[in-house]
Amino acid sequence: VFTDSLTGVPLNRVQVDVGGIGKSVYTDTLAGDYHRMLMTGTYALTFSKTGYRSKTINNVYAKLDSVTTLDVQLAPLTGVVSQPAERPLPIRTDLFYGRPNPLRDRTVIGYQLQRPGPASLRLYNAAGQLVRTLDQGQHGAGYHAVTWDGKDDHGAAVAAGVYVYRLDAGALTRTNKLVVVR
């Protein structure tokens, strides 16, 4: 996940260059994350965004069919502070897929609300039992993202398995699945 080092705001459209591979990848526009399948090996990753200092991390080990998680903070250039991207209000309420999925220790779940009002985002196990309330309260219209750390409401790491997360916003309910691997 990429964030502004001063504000902690997720950064969208960060360019990610993998040493030895010629094509750039850009971060997700909602959550500030990215995904790329790499063969098993050690890589140098360079991250850049207009208005920020580029950052290179060497010796990043990636394994095929596994998730490598990095938290990268980019420092704004002098006098530049990140602001959330200006976006038009969504035309409908929707729930996005958690990224990454499957996950080992955390994922970012995004959703959008067409109108302001009460909304909740809850996580349930395969038996339908509430595992964690991720977000609850009054929310403005627009885009929202929540990071789940793979723990239940008591702070204990959840077991590997399939989980369902549900967005309730007014009379509308949306659900998606997450897979936890340990």
C-alpha atoms as a PDB file:
ATOM      1  CA  VAL A   1       0.000   0.000   0.000  1.00  0.00           C
ATOM      2  CA  PHE A   2       1.349   3.432  -0.917  1.00  0.00           C
ATOM      3  CA  THR A   3       0.725   6.436   1.301  1.00  0.00           C
ATOM      4  CA  ASP A   4       1.828  10.045   1.661  1.00  0.00           C
ATOM      5  CA  SER A   5       4.502  10.138   4.375  1.00  0.00           C
ATOM      6  CA  LEU A   6       3.087  13.337   5.898  1.00  0.00           C
ATOM      7  CA  THR A   7      -0.653  12.719   5.807  1.00  0.00           C
ATOM      8  CA  GLY A   8      -1.002   8.928   5.582  1.00  0.00           C
ATOM      9  CA  VAL A   9      -3.460   9.369   2.691  1.00  0.00           C
ATOM     10  CA  PRO A  10      -3.347   6.469   0.177  1.00  0.00           C
ATOM     11  CA  LEU A  11      -1.735   7.521  -3.083  1.00  0.00           C
ATOM     12  CA  ASN A  12      -3.305   6.675  -6.404  1.00  0.00           C
ATOM     13  CA  ARG A  13      -1.507   6.293  -9.723  1.00  0.00           C
ATOM     14  CA  VAL A  14       1.933   5.572  -8.217  1.00  0.00           C
ATOM     15  CA  GLN A  15       4.169   4.153 -10.932  1.00  0.00           C
ATOM     16  CA  VAL A  16       5.838   0.865  -9.985  1.00  0.00           C
ATOM     17  CA  ASP A  17       8.843  -0.294 -12.015  1.00  0.00           C
ATOM     18  CA  VAL A  18      10.270  -3.761 -11.470  1.00  0.00           C
ATOM     19  CA  GLY A  19      13.998  -3.971 -12.298  1.00  0.00           C
ATOM     20  CA  GLY A  20      14.562  -6.200 -15.321  1.00  0.00           C
ATOM     21  CA  ILE A  21      10.938  -6.016 -16.482  1.00  0.00           C
ATOM     22  CA  GLY A  22      10.179  -3.226 -18.901  1.00  0.00           C
ATOM     23  CA  LYS A  23       6.490  -2.499 -18.263  1.00  0.00           C
ATOM     24  CA  SER A  24       5.292  -0.169 -15.490  1.00  0.00           C
ATOM     25  CA  VAL A  25       2.303  -0.922 -13.258  1.00  0.00           C
ATOM     26  CA  TYR A  26       0.181   1.736 -11.548  1.00  0.00           C
ATOM     27  CA  THR A  27      -1.499   1.583  -8.158  1.00  0.00           C
ATOM     28  CA  ASP A  28      -5.225   1.134  -7.721  1.00  0.00           C
ATOM     29  CA  THR A  29      -7.063   4.445  -7.835  1.00  0.00           C
ATOM     30  CA  LEU A  30      -9.079   3.759  -4.671  1.00  0.00           C
ATOM     31  CA  ALA A  31      -6.883   2.006  -2.144  1.00  0.00           C
ATOM     32  CA  GLY A  32      -3.318   2.889  -3.146  1.00  0.00           C
ATOM     33  CA  ASP A  33      -2.266  -0.719  -3.763  1.00  0.00           C
ATOM     34  CA  TYR A  34      -1.126  -2.732  -6.761  1.00  0.00           C
ATOM     35  CA  HIS A  35      -0.823  -6.332  -7.860  1.00  0.00           C
ATOM     36  CA  ARG A  36       1.579  -7.967 -10.287  1.00  0.00           C
ATOM     37  CA  MET A  37       2.422 -11.614 -10.832  1.00  0.00           C
ATOM     38  CA  LEU A  38       6.187 -12.161 -10.647  1.00  0.00           C
ATOM     39  CA  MET A  39       8.279 -15.268 -11.026  1.00  0.00           C
ATOM     40  CA  THR A  40      10.142 -16.382  -7.903  1.00  0.00           C
ATOM     41  CA  GLY A  41      13.205 -14.173  -7.458  1.00  0.00           C
ATOM     42  CA  THR A  42      14.697 -11.044  -5.938  1.00  0.00           C
ATOM     43  CA  TYR A  43      13.833  -7.691  -7.467  1.00  0.00           C
ATOM     44  CA  ALA A  44      14.577  -3.981  -7.213  1.00  0.00           C
ATOM     45  CA  LEU A  45      11.325  -1.998  -7.130  1.00  0.00           C
ATOM     46  CA  THR A  46      11.166   1.715  -7.915  1.00  0.00           C
ATOM     47  CA  PHE A  47       8.118   3.773  -6.965  1.00  0.00           C
ATOM     48  CA  SER A  48       7.437   7.242  -8.376  1.00  0.00           C
ATOM     49  CA  LYS A  49       4.662   9.819  -8.521  1.00  0.00           C
ATOM     50  CA  THR A  50       4.584  13.407  -9.707  1.00  0.00           C
ATOM     51  CA  GLY A  51       5.147  15.713  -6.723  1.00  0.00           C
ATOM     52  CA  TYR A  52       6.938  13.011  -4.665  1.00  0.00           C
ATOM     53  CA  ARG A  53      10.487  11.755  -4.230  1.00  0.00           C
ATOM     54  CA  SER A  54      11.034   8.447  -6.019  1.00  0.00           C
ATOM     55  CA  LYS A  55      11.942   5.503  -3.832  1.00  0.00           C
ATOM     56  CA  THR A  56      13.768   2.274  -4.707  1.00  0.00           C
ATOM     57  CA  ILE A  57      13.669  -0.825  -2.530  1.00  0.00           C
ATOM     58  CA  ASN A  58      16.306  -3.418  -3.397  1.00  0.00           C
ATOM     59  CA  ASN A  59      16.331  -7.150  -2.671  1.00  0.00           C
ATOM     60  CA  VAL A  60      12.550  -7.616  -2.534  1.00  0.00           C
ATOM     61  CA  TYR A  61      11.920 -11.360  -2.599  1.00  0.00           C
ATOM     62  CA  ALA A  62       8.823 -12.525  -4.448  1.00  0.00           C
ATOM     63  CA  LYS A  63       7.574 -16.093  -4.722  1.00  0.00           C
ATOM     64  CA  LEU A  64       5.285 -17.292  -7.492  1.00  0.00           C
ATOM     65  CA  ASP A  65       1.681 -17.811  -6.258  1.00  0.00           C
ATOM     66  CA  SER A  66       2.391 -15.922  -3.019  1.00  0.00           C
ATOM     67  CA  VAL A  67       1.632 -12.428  -1.823  1.00  0.00           C
ATOM     68  CA  THR A  68       4.484 -10.086  -0.945  1.00  0.00           C
ATOM     69  CA  THR A  69       3.281  -7.109   1.084  1.00  0.00           C
ATOM     70  CA  LEU A  70       5.146  -3.812   1.249  1.00  0.00           C
ATOM     71  CA  ASP A  71       4.023  -0.616   2.946  1.00  0.00           C
ATOM     72  CA  VAL A  72       5.665   2.242   1.074  1.00  0.00           C
ATOM     73  CA  GLN A  73       5.520   5.876   2.097  1.00  0.00           C
ATOM     74  CA  LEU A  74       6.516   8.471  -0.462  1.00  0.00           C
ATOM     75  CA  ALA A  75       7.743  11.854   0.730  1.00  0.00           C
ATOM     76  CA  PRO A  76       6.235  14.875  -0.966  1.00  0.00           C
ATOM     77  CA  LEU A  77       8.623  17.317  -2.589  1.00  0.00           C
ATOM     78  CA  THR A  78       9.047  20.552  -0.638  1.00  0.00           C
ATOM     79  CA  GLY A  79       5.787  22.461  -0.447  1.00  0.00           C
ATOM     80  CA  VAL A  80       3.659  19.659  -1.907  1.00  0.00           C
ATOM     81  CA  VAL A  81       1.160  17.819   0.267  1.00  0.00           C
ATOM     82  CA  SER A  82      -1.082  15.041  -1.004  1.00  0.00           C
ATOM     83  CA  GLN A  83      -4.779  15.686  -1.192  1.00  0.00           C
ATOM     84  CA  PRO A  84      -7.423  13.057  -1.871  1.00  0.00           C
ATOM     85  CA  ALA A  85      -8.134  12.841  -5.590  1.00  0.00           C
ATOM     86  CA  GLU A  86     -11.071  14.904  -6.806  1.00  0.00           C
ATOM     87  CA  ARG A  87     -13.675  12.486  -8.102  1.00  0.00           C
ATOM     88  CA  PRO A  88     -17.251  12.835  -9.212  1.00  0.00           C
ATOM     89  CA  LEU A  89     -19.775  11.357  -6.803  1.00  0.00           C
ATOM     90  CA  PRO A  90     -20.646   7.753  -7.619  1.00  0.00           C
ATOM     91  CA  ILE A  91     -23.856   7.025  -9.509  1.00  0.00           C
ATOM     92  CA  ARG A  92     -24.607   3.972  -7.333  1.00  0.00           C
ATOM     93  CA  THR A  93     -23.663   2.387  -4.032  1.00  0.00           C
ATOM     94  CA  ASP A  94     -21.226  -0.498  -4.531  1.00  0.00           C
ATOM     95  CA  LEU A  95     -18.813  -2.775  -2.687  1.00  0.00           C
ATOM     96  CA  PHE A  96     -15.422  -3.603  -4.208  1.00  0.00           C
ATOM     97  CA  TYR A  97     -13.288  -6.717  -3.890  1.00  0.00           C
ATOM     98  CA  GLY A  98     -10.752  -6.795  -1.056  1.00  0.00           C
ATOM     99  CA  ARG A  99      -7.184  -6.396  -2.277  1.00  0.00           C
ATOM    100  CA  PRO A 100      -5.203  -8.537  -1.958  1.00  0.00           C
ATOM    101  CA  ASN A 101      -7.471 -11.564  -1.998  1.00  0.00           C
ATOM    102  CA  PRO A 102      -6.463 -14.161  -0.892  1.00  0.00           C
ATOM    103  CA  LEU A 103      -4.726 -12.454   2.012  1.00  0.00           C
ATOM    104  CA  ARG A 104      -2.264 -13.481   4.706  1.00  0.00           C
ATOM    105  CA  ASP A 105      -2.373 -10.598   7.145  1.00  0.00           C
ATOM    106  CA  ARG A 106      -4.364  -7.684   5.730  1.00  0.00           C
ATOM    107  CA  THR A 107      -6.496  -6.411   2.890  1.00  0.00           C
ATOM    108  CA  VAL A 108      -8.075  -3.140   1.805  1.00  0.00           C
ATOM    109  CA  ILE A 109     -11.812  -3.160   1.138  1.00  0.00           C
ATOM    110  CA  GLY A 110     -13.249  -0.270  -0.816  1.00  0.00           C
ATOM    111  CA  TYR A 111     -16.819   0.837  -1.245  1.00  0.00           C
ATOM    112  CA  GLN A 112     -18.731   3.787  -2.614  1.00  0.00           C
ATOM    113  CA  LEU A 113     -21.920   5.435  -1.442  1.00  0.00           C
ATOM    114  CA  GLN A 114     -24.264   7.252  -3.775  1.00  0.00           C
ATOM    115  CA  ARG A 115     -25.798   9.290  -0.936  1.00  0.00           C
ATOM    116  CA  PRO A 116     -24.730  10.289   2.551  1.00  0.00           C
ATOM    117  CA  GLY A 117     -26.221   8.265   5.382  1.00  0.00           C
ATOM    118  CA  PRO A 118     -25.677   5.370   7.759  1.00  0.00           C
ATOM    119  CA  ALA A 119     -23.499   2.514   6.509  1.00  0.00           C
ATOM    120  CA  SER A 120     -21.780  -0.488   8.044  1.00  0.00           C
ATOM    121  CA  LEU A 121     -19.173  -2.918   6.799  1.00  0.00           C
ATOM    122  CA  ARG A 122     -19.069  -6.227   8.694  1.00  0.00           C
ATOM    123  CA  LEU A 123     -17.116  -9.457   8.303  1.00  0.00           C
ATOM    124  CA  TYR A 124     -18.617 -12.910   8.897  1.00  0.00           C
ATOM    125  CA  ASN A 125     -17.151 -16.421   9.008  1.00  0.00           C
ATOM    126  CA  ALA A 126     -18.471 -19.332   6.926  1.00  0.00           C
ATOM    127  CA  ALA A 127     -20.934 -20.197   9.723  1.00  0.00           C
ATOM    128  CA  GLY A 128     -22.477 -16.712   9.454  1.00  0.00           C
ATOM    129  CA  GLN A 129     -21.082 -15.500  12.797  1.00  0.00           C
ATOM    130  CA  LEU A 130     -19.992 -11.880  13.078  1.00  0.00           C
ATOM    131  CA  VAL A 131     -16.187 -11.773  13.201  1.00  0.00           C
ATOM    132  CA  ARG A 132     -15.516  -8.040  13.022  1.00  0.00           C
ATOM    133  CA  THR A 133     -17.258  -4.739  12.475  1.00  0.00           C
ATOM    134  CA  LEU A 134     -14.894  -2.942  10.113  1.00  0.00           C
ATOM    135  CA  ASP A 135     -16.765   0.326   9.731  1.00  0.00           C
ATOM    136  CA  GLN A 136     -20.026   1.729  11.071  1.00  0.00           C
ATOM    137  CA  GLY A 137     -21.652   5.132  11.287  1.00  0.00           C
ATOM    138  CA  GLN A 138     -22.718   8.115   9.209  1.00  0.00           C
ATOM    139  CA  HIS A 139     -20.774   8.441   5.964  1.00  0.00           C
ATOM    140  CA  GLY A 140     -20.666  11.022   3.229  1.00  0.00           C
ATOM    141  CA  ALA A 141     -21.414  10.202  -0.380  1.00  0.00           C
ATOM    142  CA  GLY A 142     -18.293   9.126  -2.241  1.00  0.00           C
ATOM    143  CA  TYR A 143     -15.491   6.606  -2.039  1.00  0.00           C
ATOM    144  CA  HIS A 144     -14.331   4.935   1.181  1.00  0.00           C
ATOM    145  CA  ALA A 145     -11.695   2.311   2.030  1.00  0.00           C
ATOM    146  CA  VAL A 146     -11.071   0.228   5.155  1.00  0.00           C
ATOM    147  CA  THR A 147      -7.981  -1.841   5.954  1.00  0.00           C
ATOM    148  CA  TRP A 148      -8.663  -5.153   7.710  1.00  0.00           C
ATOM    149  CA  ASP A 149      -5.715  -6.558   9.643  1.00  0.00           C
ATOM    150  CA  GLY A 150      -6.903 -10.192   9.635  1.00  0.00           C
ATOM    151  CA  LYS A 151      -8.091 -10.007  13.253  1.00  0.00           C
ATOM    152  CA  ASP A 152     -11.457 -10.395  14.938  1.00  0.00           C
ATOM    153  CA  ASP A 153     -13.193  -7.863  17.221  1.00  0.00           C
ATOM    154  CA  HIS A 154     -11.091  -9.168  20.152  1.00  0.00           C
ATOM    155  CA  GLY A 155      -7.750  -8.661  18.384  1.00  0.00           C
ATOM    156  CA  ALA A 156      -7.067 -12.341  17.695  1.00  0.00           C
ATOM    157  CA  ALA A 157      -5.861 -13.456  14.257  1.00  0.00           C
ATOM    158  CA  VAL A 158      -8.615 -15.307  12.414  1.00  0.00           C
ATOM    159  CA  ALA A 159      -8.174 -18.844  11.121  1.00  0.00           C
ATOM    160  CA  ALA A 160      -7.549 -19.623   7.474  1.00  0.00           C
ATOM    161  CA  GLY A 161     -10.775 -19.955   5.520  1.00  0.00           C
ATOM    162  CA  VAL A 162     -13.475 -18.165   3.578  1.00  0.00           C
ATOM    163  CA  TYR A 163     -15.069 -15.039   5.022  1.00  0.00           C
ATOM    164  CA  VAL A 164     -17.926 -12.864   3.770  1.00  0.00           C
ATOM    165  CA  TYR A 165     -17.947  -9.101   4.159  1.00  0.00           C
ATOM    166  CA  ARG A 166     -21.206  -7.178   3.917  1.00  0.00           C
ATOM    167  CA  LEU A 167     -21.940  -3.527   3.253  1.00  0.00           C
ATOM    168  CA  ASP A 168     -25.297  -2.289   4.562  1.00  0.00           C
ATOM    169  CA  ALA A 169     -26.194   1.205   3.351  1.00  0.00           C
ATOM    170  CA  GLY A 170     -29.791   2.219   3.853  1.00  0.00           C
ATOM    171  CA  ALA A 171     -32.010  -0.453   2.286  1.00  0.00           C
ATOM    172  CA  LEU A 172     -29.139  -1.753   0.125  1.00  0.00           C
ATOM    173  CA  THR A 173     -26.921  -4.735   1.012  1.00  0.00           C
ATOM    174  CA  ARG A 174     -23.864  -5.919  -0.930  1.00  0.00           C
ATOM    175  CA  THR A 175     -21.580  -8.875  -0.109  1.00  0.00           C
ATOM    176  CA  ASN A 176     -18.239 -10.250  -1.303  1.00  0.00           C
ATOM    177  CA  LYS A 177     -15.915 -13.043  -0.195  1.00  0.00           C
ATOM    178  CA  LEU A 178     -12.368 -13.020   1.173  1.00  0.00           C
ATOM    179  CA  VAL A 179     -10.023 -15.972   1.522  1.00  0.00           C
ATOM    180  CA  VAL A 180      -7.536 -15.969   4.401  1.00  0.00           C
ATOM    181  CA  VAL A 181      -4.443 -18.157   4.024  1.00  0.00           C
ATOM    182  CA  ARG A 182      -1.964 -18.686   6.854  1.00  0.00           C
END
